[in-house]
């Protein structure tokens, strides 16, 4: 018999089925990508958000109020990406509407959905129509207006209008029409509710769920989280290979009183030497322990130098050529976690910094410019609200400034800021690593005035331009150019300027299009797929075409972008 009410057990089952059905279609949603570079992750973001809610339910909870609150909390923590955050807010509003309700009838369900739409819109500073917001709003209003007789009918009415609303999104949002796609977040929402509908129609919930989860598992089998150092491909370095990338070398050293004055010993002694023989150096002292990370061609020199001052607790030297195509080192995590292991009774400092970045070299750049903790993420790998909360917890500060450094990460940072109570969290709206880095170069905390500090950060971001070289993932026609999958494109922000089959040629053409009016500094960041030789050629071309410009080169180690050129 079709239920006319929802209790906690049924609602939890609907969420589980919704998440499973979304999992089947996550990659399809990813591919509804407006911009033709490999940054389509809406499906993954929404799936991880839903999974957080699903996993929060450990046992069956009969109370709808308690179950929806538990699910909402899991979603809020797991939310990532704009669509994921909006989705979590939608279900958080639904949960608020179910407060103190053990079992909801159709009228109460409709009121809760309207509260969900309200929460979702309030989560966005400037709501944009033609997105998941519009689809949720239109579908909710229609489902509430049709006076459904049971829960299944209410959900079916929601889906009916959601599909019509999704078809209308290109007419509301020109960028969708231009790309020939519908809104990916709205599509994801429909798949969730189609899974919820199936839950209401099946006689055997466990059998239906198992079938959906099995299919979802097949679709997402290749998306398992990699180990910290990835899979080692021994064939990547053969008898005729040349060592291009060196060794990722790490040391945990216990200083010895017979070799040095442990109390007065400075980690800078080791750090300075490591910068002479390598790069990507992270070095900290905690009591009598030195933690060191360095990339070097000669790891034996690292061990020999360090052993002058102590004895090793652990050592590691890995040939990075074996893992160059899966270089997932997180220097920020090394630094932040080790710093947190140092016992401290110190009073909280006034200010701390959290930034989002990917690529070991880029992370180190932020660490060296005053960042306390770098959250791993960015394009195609958006951090969750929980990732931010964990980062905040690693900093003993009264006020923490956050640099999301990606437009699709700002909402998750803001959501985490609302959830964190142990410090005043100030989210700076940096939409690129260029803006975040430029803001840090203007950092002046001496006034102690939060508004003045934020104004200085904003001044640093104003006028910053970022240029990118990446590969195209689908055929498209944008900005007067015919693009082909597999080609390379050069673009500024979201405006594509050049396209070519050759990466170096694309980089050269991007350099030619760069505008240094009123600017004289370029941060030149090479990605994981570029070679040292090619990067040097691009750098020389940059010097040729823009003489007098100061170039700061960084081996960023980022994926997605072969080159990032930041004009400050």
Protein backbone atom coordinates (compact mmCIF):
# COMPACT_ATOMS: atom_id res chain seq x y z
CA UNK A 1 0.00 0.00 0.00
CA UNK A 2 1.40 3.43 -0.93
CA UNK A 3 2.18 5.38 2.28
CA UNK A 4 0.46 8.68 3.01
CA UNK A 5 3.08 9.69 5.57
CA UNK A 6 6.86 9.52 6.02
CA UNK A 7 8.59 8.45 9.24
CA UNK A 8 12.33 8.32 9.98
CA UNK A 9 12.80 4.79 8.69
CA UNK A 10 11.13 5.46 5.33
CA UNK A 11 12.90 8.80 4.88
CA UNK A 12 16.28 7.17 5.54
CA UNK A 13 15.52 4.48 3.00
CA UNK A 14 14.51 7.08 0.41
CA UNK A 15 17.82 8.91 0.97
CA UNK A 16 19.78 5.68 0.54
CA UNK A 17 17.99 4.84 -2.70
CA UNK A 18 18.40 8.40 -3.93
CA UNK A 19 22.13 8.29 -3.30
CA UNK A 20 22.48 4.93 -5.02
CA UNK A 21 20.60 6.08 -8.12
CA UNK A 22 22.68 9.25 -8.25
CA UNK A 23 25.79 7.09 -8.14
CA UNK A 24 24.72 5.29 -11.30
CA UNK A 25 24.46 8.59 -13.17
CA UNK A 26 27.28 10.59 -11.51
CA UNK A 27 29.60 10.42 -14.51
CA UNK A 28 26.78 11.43 -16.84
CA UNK A 29 26.26 14.52 -14.69
CA UNK A 30 29.99 15.21 -14.68
CA UNK A 31 29.89 15.30 -18.45
CA UNK A 32 27.28 18.08 -18.47
CA UNK A 33 30.27 20.39 -18.38
CA UNK A 34 29.88 23.92 -19.70
CA UNK A 35 33.62 24.59 -20.01
CA UNK A 36 35.53 22.03 -22.14
CA UNK A 37 38.36 21.23 -19.72
CA UNK A 38 38.45 18.27 -17.29
CA UNK A 39 36.73 20.06 -14.41
CA UNK A 40 33.29 18.43 -14.59
CA UNK A 41 32.80 17.12 -11.08
CA UNK A 42 29.23 18.11 -10.21
CA UNK A 43 28.09 14.50 -10.16
CA UNK A 44 30.93 13.44 -7.88
CA UNK A 45 30.36 16.40 -5.56
CA UNK A 46 26.65 15.69 -5.24
CA UNK A 47 27.30 11.98 -4.76
CA UNK A 48 29.80 12.57 -1.95
CA UNK A 49 27.35 14.98 -0.33
CA UNK A 50 24.53 12.43 -0.48
CA UNK A 51 26.85 9.68 0.70
CA UNK A 52 27.69 11.74 3.78
CA UNK A 53 24.00 11.90 4.63
CA UNK A 54 23.41 8.23 3.91
CA UNK A 55 26.38 7.10 5.99
CA UNK A 56 25.32 9.23 8.95
CA UNK A 57 22.45 6.80 9.59
CA UNK A 58 23.97 3.88 11.50
CA UNK A 59 20.73 2.29 12.69
CA UNK A 60 17.08 2.77 11.83
CA UNK A 61 15.58 5.84 13.49
CA UNK A 62 11.80 5.94 13.75
CA UNK A 63 11.48 9.66 14.46
CA UNK A 64 11.43 11.67 11.23
CA UNK A 65 12.76 14.70 13.09
CA UNK A 66 15.78 12.79 14.43
CA UNK A 67 16.47 10.88 11.21
CA UNK A 68 16.29 13.95 8.96
CA UNK A 69 18.49 15.91 11.35
CA UNK A 70 21.11 13.16 11.37
CA UNK A 71 21.06 12.92 7.57
CA UNK A 72 21.24 16.69 7.20
CA UNK A 73 24.27 16.91 9.52
CA UNK A 74 26.08 14.29 7.46
CA UNK A 75 25.32 16.13 4.23
CA UNK A 76 26.39 19.51 5.59
CA UNK A 77 29.78 18.12 6.62
CA UNK A 78 30.30 16.19 3.37
CA UNK A 79 29.07 18.97 1.07
CA UNK A 80 31.53 20.10 -1.60
CA UNK A 81 31.23 22.16 -4.74
CA UNK A 82 28.46 24.67 -5.29
CA UNK A 83 25.89 22.05 -6.27
CA UNK A 84 26.82 19.85 -3.31
CA UNK A 85 26.49 22.73 -0.84
CA UNK A 86 23.15 23.84 -2.31
CA UNK A 87 21.95 20.22 -2.18
CA UNK A 88 22.95 19.92 1.47
CA UNK A 89 21.16 23.17 2.28
CA UNK A 90 18.02 21.96 0.52
CA UNK A 91 17.93 18.85 2.69
CA UNK A 92 18.91 20.89 5.75
CA UNK A 93 15.85 23.05 5.16
CA UNK A 94 13.71 19.94 4.78
CA UNK A 95 15.10 18.73 8.10
CA UNK A 96 14.23 22.07 9.71
CA UNK A 97 10.69 21.67 8.39
CA UNK A 98 10.46 18.23 10.01
CA UNK A 99 11.59 19.47 13.44
CA UNK A 100 9.65 17.75 16.26
CA UNK A 101 7.61 15.76 13.72
CA UNK A 102 7.60 12.01 14.27
CA UNK A 103 5.72 11.23 11.06
CA UNK A 104 4.86 13.79 8.35
CA UNK A 105 1.74 13.95 6.22
CA UNK A 106 1.62 15.39 2.69
CA UNK A 107 0.95 18.94 3.86
CA UNK A 108 3.89 18.80 6.28
CA UNK A 109 6.12 17.30 3.59
CA UNK A 110 5.26 20.17 1.25
CA UNK A 111 5.98 22.75 3.96
CA UNK A 112 9.34 21.09 4.67
CA UNK A 113 10.25 21.13 0.98
CA UNK A 114 9.45 24.83 0.80
CA UNK A 115 11.73 25.37 3.77
CA UNK A 116 14.38 23.40 1.87
CA UNK A 117 14.11 25.75 -1.11
CA UNK A 118 14.37 28.73 1.23
CA UNK A 119 17.56 27.38 2.84
CA UNK A 120 19.07 26.61 -0.56
CA UNK A 121 18.48 30.14 -1.87
CA UNK A 122 19.78 31.72 1.32
CA UNK A 123 23.02 29.73 1.01
CA UNK A 124 23.96 31.65 -2.13
CA UNK A 125 24.82 35.34 -1.90
CA UNK A 126 23.61 36.00 -5.45
CA UNK A 127 21.23 33.20 -6.50
CA UNK A 128 21.32 32.43 -10.21
CA UNK A 129 18.22 31.15 -11.97
CA UNK A 130 18.64 28.30 -14.40
CA UNK A 131 20.47 26.18 -11.84
CA UNK A 132 19.61 23.48 -9.30
CA UNK A 133 17.97 26.26 -7.28
CA UNK A 134 15.38 26.89 -9.97
CA UNK A 135 14.71 23.20 -10.52
CA UNK A 136 14.18 22.60 -6.78
CA UNK A 137 11.93 25.67 -6.47
CA UNK A 138 9.77 24.91 -9.51
CA UNK A 139 9.39 21.24 -8.63
CA UNK A 140 8.51 22.00 -5.01
CA UNK A 141 5.88 24.57 -5.89
CA UNK A 142 4.26 22.25 -8.41
CA UNK A 143 4.27 19.25 -6.06
CA UNK A 144 2.73 21.37 -3.29
CA UNK A 145 0.05 22.82 -5.59
CA UNK A 146 -1.22 19.51 -6.96
CA UNK A 147 -2.49 18.24 -3.57
CA UNK A 148 -1.10 14.72 -3.87
CA UNK A 149 -2.99 11.92 -2.12
CA UNK A 150 0.11 10.01 -1.03
CA UNK A 151 3.88 10.30 -0.76
CA UNK A 152 4.56 8.54 -4.07
CA UNK A 153 2.29 10.93 -5.91
CA UNK A 154 3.98 13.92 -4.28
CA UNK A 155 7.44 12.70 -5.37
CA UNK A 156 6.20 11.87 -8.88
CA UNK A 157 4.76 15.36 -9.22
CA UNK A 158 8.06 16.79 -8.00
CA UNK A 159 9.98 14.82 -10.64
CA UNK A 160 7.51 15.72 -13.41
CA UNK A 161 7.98 19.46 -12.94
CA UNK A 162 11.69 19.12 -12.17
CA UNK A 163 12.25 17.64 -15.63
CA UNK A 164 10.31 20.45 -17.29
CA UNK A 165 12.23 23.01 -15.26
CA UNK A 166 15.53 21.37 -16.19
CA UNK A 167 14.62 21.64 -19.87
CA UNK A 168 14.06 25.37 -19.33
CA UNK A 169 17.44 26.03 -17.72
CA UNK A 170 19.23 26.87 -21.00
CA UNK A 171 16.69 29.63 -21.67
CA UNK A 172 17.40 31.11 -18.24
CA UNK A 173 21.17 30.78 -18.26
CA UNK A 174 22.87 31.80 -21.54
CA UNK A 175 26.08 29.91 -20.75
CA UNK A 176 24.10 26.64 -20.77
CA UNK A 177 22.44 27.47 -24.06
CA UNK A 178 25.78 28.39 -25.58
CA UNK A 179 27.28 25.06 -24.53
CA UNK A 180 24.19 23.10 -25.55
CA UNK A 181 23.63 21.49 -22.14
CA UNK A 182 21.15 21.64 -19.26
CA UNK A 183 22.15 22.41 -15.67
CA UNK A 184 24.11 19.53 -14.19
CA UNK A 185 23.03 20.17 -10.59
CA UNK A 186 19.37 20.12 -11.58
CA UNK A 187 19.91 16.86 -13.45
CA UNK A 188 21.53 15.37 -10.37
CA UNK A 189 18.59 16.39 -8.21
CA UNK A 190 16.20 14.56 -10.54
CA UNK A 191 18.24 11.34 -10.34
CA UNK A 192 18.15 11.55 -6.54
CA UNK A 193 14.38 11.86 -6.52
CA UNK A 194 13.96 9.11 -9.09
CA UNK A 195 15.80 6.85 -6.66
CA UNK A 196 13.53 8.03 -3.85
CA UNK A 197 10.49 7.29 -6.02
CA UNK A 198 11.75 3.76 -6.68
CA UNK A 199 12.02 3.24 -2.94
CA UNK A 200 8.31 3.99 -2.60
CA UNK A 201 7.34 1.66 -5.44
CA UNK A 202 9.38 -1.44 -4.56
CA UNK A 203 7.98 -4.22 -2.40
CA UNK A 204 11.41 -5.31 -1.19
CA UNK A 205 13.56 -2.33 -0.14
CA UNK A 206 16.71 -4.33 0.60
CA UNK A 207 16.60 -6.14 -2.74
CA UNK A 208 15.99 -2.92 -4.68
CA UNK A 209 18.74 -1.07 -2.80
CA UNK A 210 21.23 -3.87 -3.34
CA UNK A 211 20.52 -3.80 -7.07
CA UNK A 212 20.99 -0.02 -7.30
CA UNK A 213 24.12 -0.01 -5.13
CA UNK A 214 25.62 -2.81 -7.19
CA UNK A 215 25.12 -0.84 -10.39
CA UNK A 216 26.41 2.32 -8.71
CA UNK A 217 29.49 0.44 -7.57
CA UNK A 218 30.19 -0.69 -11.13
CA UNK A 219 29.83 2.84 -12.46
CA UNK A 220 32.19 4.28 -9.85
CA UNK A 221 34.66 1.41 -9.60
CA UNK A 222 37.49 3.52 -11.03
CA UNK A 223 36.98 6.35 -8.55
CA UNK A 224 38.45 4.73 -5.48
CA UNK A 225 40.61 7.05 -3.46
CA UNK A 226 44.26 6.53 -4.20
CA UNK A 227 46.80 5.73 -1.52
CA UNK A 228 48.99 8.65 -0.45
CA UNK A 229 51.65 7.78 -2.95
CA UNK A 230 49.52 6.14 -5.63
CA UNK A 231 50.20 2.86 -7.37
CA UNK A 232 53.85 2.32 -8.21
CA UNK A 233 54.47 1.56 -11.87
CA UNK A 234 57.87 -0.15 -11.95
CA UNK A 235 57.90 -0.07 -15.74
CA UNK A 236 57.94 3.74 -15.63
CA UNK A 237 61.70 3.63 -15.00
CA UNK A 238 63.56 1.13 -17.18
CA UNK A 239 67.23 0.31 -17.89
CA UNK A 240 67.54 3.21 -20.34
CA UNK A 241 65.53 5.79 -18.40
CA UNK A 242 67.03 9.04 -17.17
CA UNK A 243 66.30 10.44 -13.74
CA UNK A 244 64.32 13.60 -14.50
CA UNK A 245 62.26 14.20 -11.39
CA UNK A 246 64.58 13.02 -8.63
CA UNK A 247 63.62 11.41 -5.35
CA UNK A 248 60.90 12.31 -2.92
CA UNK A 249 62.91 12.12 0.28
CA UNK A 250 61.53 12.25 3.82
CA UNK A 251 63.26 12.04 7.16
CA UNK A 252 62.13 11.87 10.77
CA UNK A 253 65.27 12.74 12.74
CA UNK A 254 65.77 12.60 16.51
CA UNK A 255 68.33 15.24 17.44
CA UNK A 256 71.09 13.98 19.73
CA UNK A 257 72.66 16.02 22.53
CA UNK A 258 76.06 14.48 21.80
CA UNK A 259 75.87 15.88 18.25
CA UNK A 260 74.26 19.29 18.82
CA UNK A 261 72.56 21.54 21.33
CA UNK A 262 69.08 20.05 20.92
CA UNK A 263 67.27 22.86 22.70
CA UNK A 264 68.86 25.65 20.66
CA UNK A 265 69.12 23.81 17.34
CA UNK A 266 67.32 25.60 14.48
CA UNK A 267 65.57 23.69 11.69
CA UNK A 268 66.75 26.47 9.36
CA UNK A 269 70.21 24.87 9.35
CA UNK A 270 68.77 21.81 7.63
CA UNK A 271 66.22 23.74 5.57
CA UNK A 272 68.85 26.07 4.08
CA UNK A 273 71.04 23.18 3.00
CA UNK A 274 68.11 21.28 1.50
CA UNK A 275 67.20 24.29 -0.62
CA UNK A 276 70.73 24.11 -2.07
CA UNK A 277 70.44 20.47 -3.13
CA UNK A 278 66.72 20.21 -3.86
CA UNK A 279 63.31 21.83 -3.82
CA UNK A 280 59.80 21.41 -2.39
CA UNK A 281 61.33 21.63 1.07
CA UNK A 282 59.18 21.37 4.18
CA UNK A 283 61.11 21.25 7.44
CA UNK A 284 59.91 21.61 11.05
CA UNK A 285 61.31 21.10 14.51
CA UNK A 286 59.11 19.69 17.28
CA UNK A 287 60.97 19.31 20.52
CA UNK A 288 63.91 17.07 19.68
CA UNK A 289 62.45 15.81 16.38
CA UNK A 290 63.06 17.19 12.89
CA UNK A 291 60.52 16.39 10.18
CA UNK A 292 61.89 16.90 6.67
CA UNK A 293 60.49 16.55 3.15
CA UNK A 294 62.56 17.40 0.05
CA UNK A 295 62.80 16.59 -3.66
CA UNK A 296 66.40 15.95 -4.65
CA UNK A 297 68.55 14.14 -7.19
CA UNK A 298 70.92 13.03 -4.42
CA UNK A 299 69.06 11.63 -1.40
CA UNK A 300 72.27 10.30 0.11
CA UNK A 301 73.33 13.89 0.73
CA UNK A 302 70.15 14.44 2.72
CA UNK A 303 70.86 11.49 4.97
CA UNK A 304 74.56 12.35 5.39
CA UNK A 305 73.86 15.98 6.30
CA UNK A 306 71.06 15.19 8.74
CA UNK A 307 73.01 12.49 10.53
CA UNK A 308 75.49 15.13 11.69
CA UNK A 309 72.86 16.27 14.18
CA UNK A 310 70.97 13.14 15.18
CA UNK A 311 69.78 9.66 14.31
CA UNK A 312 66.91 8.60 12.07
CA UNK A 313 63.56 7.39 13.31
CA UNK A 314 62.29 6.85 9.75
CA UNK A 315 63.61 7.54 6.25
CA UNK A 316 62.17 7.37 2.74
CA UNK A 317 63.50 8.00 -0.78
CA UNK A 318 61.18 7.26 -3.70
CA UNK A 319 61.93 7.68 -7.38
CA UNK A 320 59.32 10.21 -8.50
CA UNK A 321 59.48 9.01 -12.10
CA UNK A 322 57.56 5.94 -10.93
CA UNK A 323 54.73 8.11 -9.73
CA UNK A 324 55.07 11.30 -11.73
CA UNK A 325 51.72 10.77 -13.41
CA UNK A 326 50.04 10.28 -10.05
CA UNK A 327 51.93 12.73 -7.85
CA UNK A 328 49.60 13.21 -4.91
CA UNK A 329 51.96 14.48 -2.23
CA UNK A 330 50.37 16.91 0.17
CA UNK A 331 53.13 19.10 1.58
CA UNK A 332 50.61 21.16 3.48
CA UNK A 333 49.27 18.07 5.22
CA UNK A 334 52.82 17.02 6.12
CA UNK A 335 53.48 20.43 7.56
CA UNK A 336 50.16 20.99 9.27
CA UNK A 337 49.86 17.54 10.83
CA UNK A 338 53.38 17.62 12.16
CA UNK A 339 52.93 21.08 13.63
CA UNK A 340 49.79 19.87 15.38
CA UNK A 341 51.73 17.03 17.02
CA UNK A 342 53.78 19.57 18.95
CA UNK A 343 52.40 19.92 22.49
CA UNK A 344 51.57 23.56 23.16
CA UNK A 345 49.99 25.49 25.99
CA UNK A 346 50.40 28.77 24.19
CA UNK A 347 47.59 31.30 24.10
CA UNK A 348 45.75 31.49 20.80
CA UNK A 349 47.36 33.83 18.30
CA UNK A 350 45.28 36.60 16.79
CA UNK A 351 45.19 35.43 13.17
CA UNK A 352 45.60 32.26 11.14
CA UNK A 353 45.43 31.44 7.42
CA UNK A 354 43.85 28.52 5.55
CA UNK A 355 44.16 28.20 1.77
CA UNK A 356 43.03 25.65 -0.82
CA UNK A 357 45.51 24.42 -3.42
CA UNK A 358 46.65 21.33 -5.30
CA UNK A 359 50.11 20.40 -6.47
CA UNK A 360 53.05 20.19 -4.04
CA UNK A 361 54.83 23.23 -5.43
CA UNK A 362 51.75 25.43 -5.24
CA UNK A 363 51.04 24.27 -1.71
CA UNK A 364 54.56 25.10 -0.67
CA UNK A 365 54.19 28.55 -2.25
CA UNK A 366 51.25 29.26 0.03
CA UNK A 367 52.99 27.84 3.08
CA UNK A 368 55.99 30.06 2.48
CA UNK A 369 53.75 33.13 2.31
CA UNK A 370 52.12 32.80 5.70
CA UNK A 371 49.53 30.05 5.27
CA UNK A 372 49.15 27.83 8.33
CA UNK A 373 47.25 24.98 6.70
CA UNK A 374 46.68 24.21 3.03
CA UNK A 375 43.56 22.18 2.25
CA UNK A 376 44.12 19.82 -0.63
CA UNK A 377 41.78 20.58 -3.51
CA UNK A 378 40.73 22.92 -6.27
CA UNK A 379 39.52 22.23 -9.79
CA UNK A 380 37.95 18.77 -10.12
CA UNK A 381 38.67 17.93 -6.45
CA UNK A 382 36.64 20.29 -4.31
CA UNK A 383 37.19 19.96 -0.55
CA UNK A 384 34.20 19.39 1.72
CA UNK A 385 32.97 21.53 4.58
CA UNK A 386 34.41 18.90 6.92
CA UNK A 387 37.84 19.26 5.29
CA UNK A 388 37.75 22.96 6.15
CA UNK A 389 36.59 22.31 9.70
CA UNK A 390 39.49 19.91 10.23
CA UNK A 391 41.87 22.56 8.89
CA UNK A 392 40.44 25.19 11.25
CA UNK A 393 41.00 22.81 14.15
CA UNK A 394 44.70 22.64 13.39
CA UNK A 395 45.18 26.36 13.99
CA UNK A 396 45.22 27.90 17.44
CA UNK A 397 43.97 31.34 16.39
CA UNK A 398 41.14 33.69 17.31
CA UNK A 399 40.42 34.69 13.71
CA UNK A 400 41.12 32.51 10.66
CA UNK A 401 41.13 33.90 7.12
CA UNK A 402 40.20 31.38 4.43
CA UNK A 403 41.22 31.54 0.77
CA UNK A 404 39.09 29.05 -1.26
CA UNK A 405 40.99 29.94 -4.47
CA UNK A 406 38.22 28.50 -6.65
CA UNK A 407 34.73 29.75 -7.37
CA UNK A 408 33.32 26.27 -6.80
CA UNK A 409 34.85 26.02 -3.32
CA UNK A 410 33.67 29.28 -1.76
CA UNK A 411 30.26 27.94 -0.67
CA UNK A 412 31.79 24.95 1.12
CA UNK A 413 34.19 27.28 2.95
CA UNK A 414 31.31 29.54 3.96
CA UNK A 415 29.27 26.57 5.14
CA UNK A 416 32.18 25.36 7.26
CA UNK A 417 32.60 28.86 8.67
CA UNK A 418 29.01 28.82 9.92
CA UNK A 419 29.49 25.41 11.52
CA UNK A 420 32.78 26.15 13.30
CA UNK A 421 32.50 27.78 16.72
CA UNK A 422 36.04 27.86 18.13
CA UNK A 423 37.26 30.81 16.04
CA UNK A 424 35.97 33.68 13.94
CA UNK A 425 36.18 32.42 10.36
CA UNK A 426 36.50 35.03 7.62
CA UNK A 427 36.14 33.66 4.08
CA UNK A 428 37.95 35.76 1.48
CA UNK A 429 36.31 35.31 -1.93
CA UNK A 430 39.40 34.34 -3.92
CA UNK A 431 38.36 32.50 -7.09
CA UNK A 432 41.81 31.38 -8.27
CA UNK A 433 45.19 30.56 -6.80
CA UNK A 434 46.41 33.75 -8.47
CA UNK A 435 43.98 35.87 -6.49
CA UNK A 436 44.73 33.99 -3.27
CA UNK A 437 48.48 34.31 -3.69
CA UNK A 438 48.28 38.00 -4.63
CA UNK A 439 46.14 38.66 -1.56
CA UNK A 440 48.74 37.04 0.69
CA UNK A 441 51.44 39.27 -0.77
CA UNK A 442 49.40 42.19 0.60
CA UNK A 443 48.97 40.61 4.03
CA UNK A 444 49.43 43.11 6.84
CA UNK A 445 48.08 41.95 10.19
CA UNK A 446 49.71 44.69 12.25
CA UNK A 447 46.56 46.82 12.62
CA UNK A 448 44.65 43.99 14.26
CA UNK A 449 41.52 45.33 12.53
CA UNK A 450 39.70 42.57 10.65
CA UNK A 451 37.95 44.89 8.19
CA UNK A 452 41.20 46.66 7.36
CA UNK A 453 43.00 43.36 6.86
CA UNK A 454 40.23 42.12 4.55
CA UNK A 455 40.41 45.37 2.57
CA UNK A 456 44.14 44.80 2.07
CA UNK A 457 43.47 41.26 0.88
CA UNK A 458 40.88 42.58 -1.60
CA UNK A 459 43.34 45.19 -2.87
CA UNK A 460 45.81 42.40 -3.52
CA UNK A 461 43.26 40.46 -5.56
CA UNK A 462 42.08 43.42 -7.62
CA UNK A 463 43.55 43.46 -11.12
CA UNK A 464 45.09 39.98 -10.94
CA UNK A 465 44.82 38.02 -14.20
CA UNK A 466 45.33 34.29 -14.55
CA UNK A 467 46.04 32.51 -17.83
CA UNK A 468 45.84 28.74 -18.27
CA UNK A 469 46.85 26.03 -20.71
CA UNK A 470 44.86 22.82 -20.47
CA UNK A 471 43.56 20.08 -22.74
CA UNK A 472 40.10 20.07 -24.23
CA UNK A 473 37.83 17.16 -23.28
CA UNK A 474 35.01 17.56 -25.80
CA UNK A 475 34.21 19.09 -29.16
CA UNK A 476 32.72 22.55 -28.77
CA UNK A 477 32.44 25.94 -30.37
CA UNK A 478 33.19 28.77 -27.96
CA UNK A 479 34.47 32.34 -28.24
CA UNK A 480 34.62 32.02 -32.04
CA UNK A 481 36.85 28.93 -31.95
CA UNK A 482 36.06 25.38 -33.02
CA UNK A 483 37.47 23.14 -30.32
CA UNK A 484 38.24 19.45 -30.61
CA UNK A 485 38.62 16.86 -27.89
CA UNK A 486 42.30 16.16 -27.28
CA UNK A 487 43.49 19.60 -28.39
CA UNK A 488 45.03 22.14 -26.05
CA UNK A 489 43.41 25.46 -25.23
CA UNK A 490 44.73 28.67 -23.73
CA UNK A 491 42.29 30.83 -21.81
CA UNK A 492 41.97 33.68 -19.35
CA UNK A 493 39.37 33.08 -16.66
CA UNK A 494 36.63 31.45 -18.77
CA UNK A 495 37.44 33.13 -22.10
CA UNK A 496 39.20 30.82 -24.54
CA UNK A 497 41.81 32.67 -26.60
CA UNK A 498 43.72 30.00 -28.53
CA UNK A 499 43.53 26.35 -29.50
CA UNK A 500 46.03 23.94 -31.04
CA UNK A 501 46.91 20.25 -31.26
CA UNK A 502 50.35 21.09 -29.86
CA UNK A 503 50.79 21.99 -26.19
CA UNK A 504 53.90 24.13 -26.63
CA UNK A 505 52.36 26.03 -29.52
CA UNK A 506 49.26 26.67 -27.42
CA UNK A 507 51.43 27.90 -24.56
CA UNK A 508 53.31 30.24 -26.93
CA UNK A 509 50.05 31.64 -28.31
CA UNK A 510 48.74 32.14 -24.79
CA UNK A 511 51.90 34.06 -23.89
CA UNK A 512 51.36 36.29 -26.93
CA UNK A 513 47.82 37.08 -25.78
CA UNK A 514 48.82 38.03 -22.23
CA UNK A 515 48.32 41.63 -21.15
CA UNK A 516 50.91 43.16 -18.82
CA UNK A 517 49.50 46.68 -18.89
CA UNK A 518 50.14 48.15 -15.41
CA UNK A 519 51.72 44.85 -14.35
CA UNK A 520 55.31 43.71 -14.19
CA UNK A 521 55.34 40.34 -12.37
CA UNK A 522 54.39 36.90 -13.67
CA UNK A 523 54.16 33.76 -11.55
CA UNK A 524 54.96 30.98 -14.02
CA UNK A 525 53.67 27.61 -12.75
CA UNK A 526 54.36 24.42 -14.67
CA UNK A 527 52.05 21.45 -14.28
CA UNK A 528 52.59 17.75 -13.84
CA UNK A 529 52.32 16.94 -17.57
CA UNK A 530 54.90 19.46 -18.77
CA UNK A 531 58.59 18.67 -19.23
CA UNK A 532 61.47 20.66 -17.83
CA UNK A 533 62.76 21.40 -21.32
CA UNK A 534 59.39 22.56 -22.65
CA UNK A 535 58.75 24.72 -19.59
CA UNK A 536 62.10 26.42 -20.09
CA UNK A 537 61.23 27.15 -23.71
CA UNK A 538 57.88 28.66 -22.71
CA UNK A 539 59.57 30.74 -20.06
CA UNK A 540 62.13 32.07 -22.57
CA UNK A 541 59.32 32.90 -24.99
CA UNK A 542 57.58 34.79 -22.22
CA UNK A 543 60.76 36.80 -21.61
CA UNK A 544 61.08 37.46 -25.34
CA UNK A 545 57.52 38.65 -25.84
CA UNK A 546 57.27 40.60 -22.61
CA UNK A 547 60.76 41.96 -21.87
CA UNK A 548 61.26 43.55 -18.49
CA UNK A 549 58.67 41.37 -16.79
CA UNK A 550 59.87 39.71 -13.58
CA UNK A 551 59.22 35.97 -13.82
CA UNK A 552 58.97 33.74 -10.76
CA UNK A 553 58.99 30.10 -11.84
CA UNK A 554 57.40 27.33 -9.76
CA UNK A 555 57.22 23.60 -10.38
CA UNK A 556 53.61 23.44 -9.22
CA UNK A 557 53.00 19.75 -9.83
CA UNK A 558 49.30 20.47 -10.48
CA UNK A 559 47.14 18.43 -12.81
CA UNK A 560 44.39 19.79 -15.11
CA UNK A 561 46.53 22.78 -16.09
CA UNK A 562 49.79 22.27 -18.02
CA UNK A 563 50.69 25.89 -17.26
CA UNK A 564 49.28 28.60 -15.03
CA UNK A 565 50.55 32.13 -15.63
CA UNK A 566 49.54 34.67 -13.00
CA UNK A 567 49.93 38.36 -13.80
CA UNK A 568 50.26 40.49 -10.68
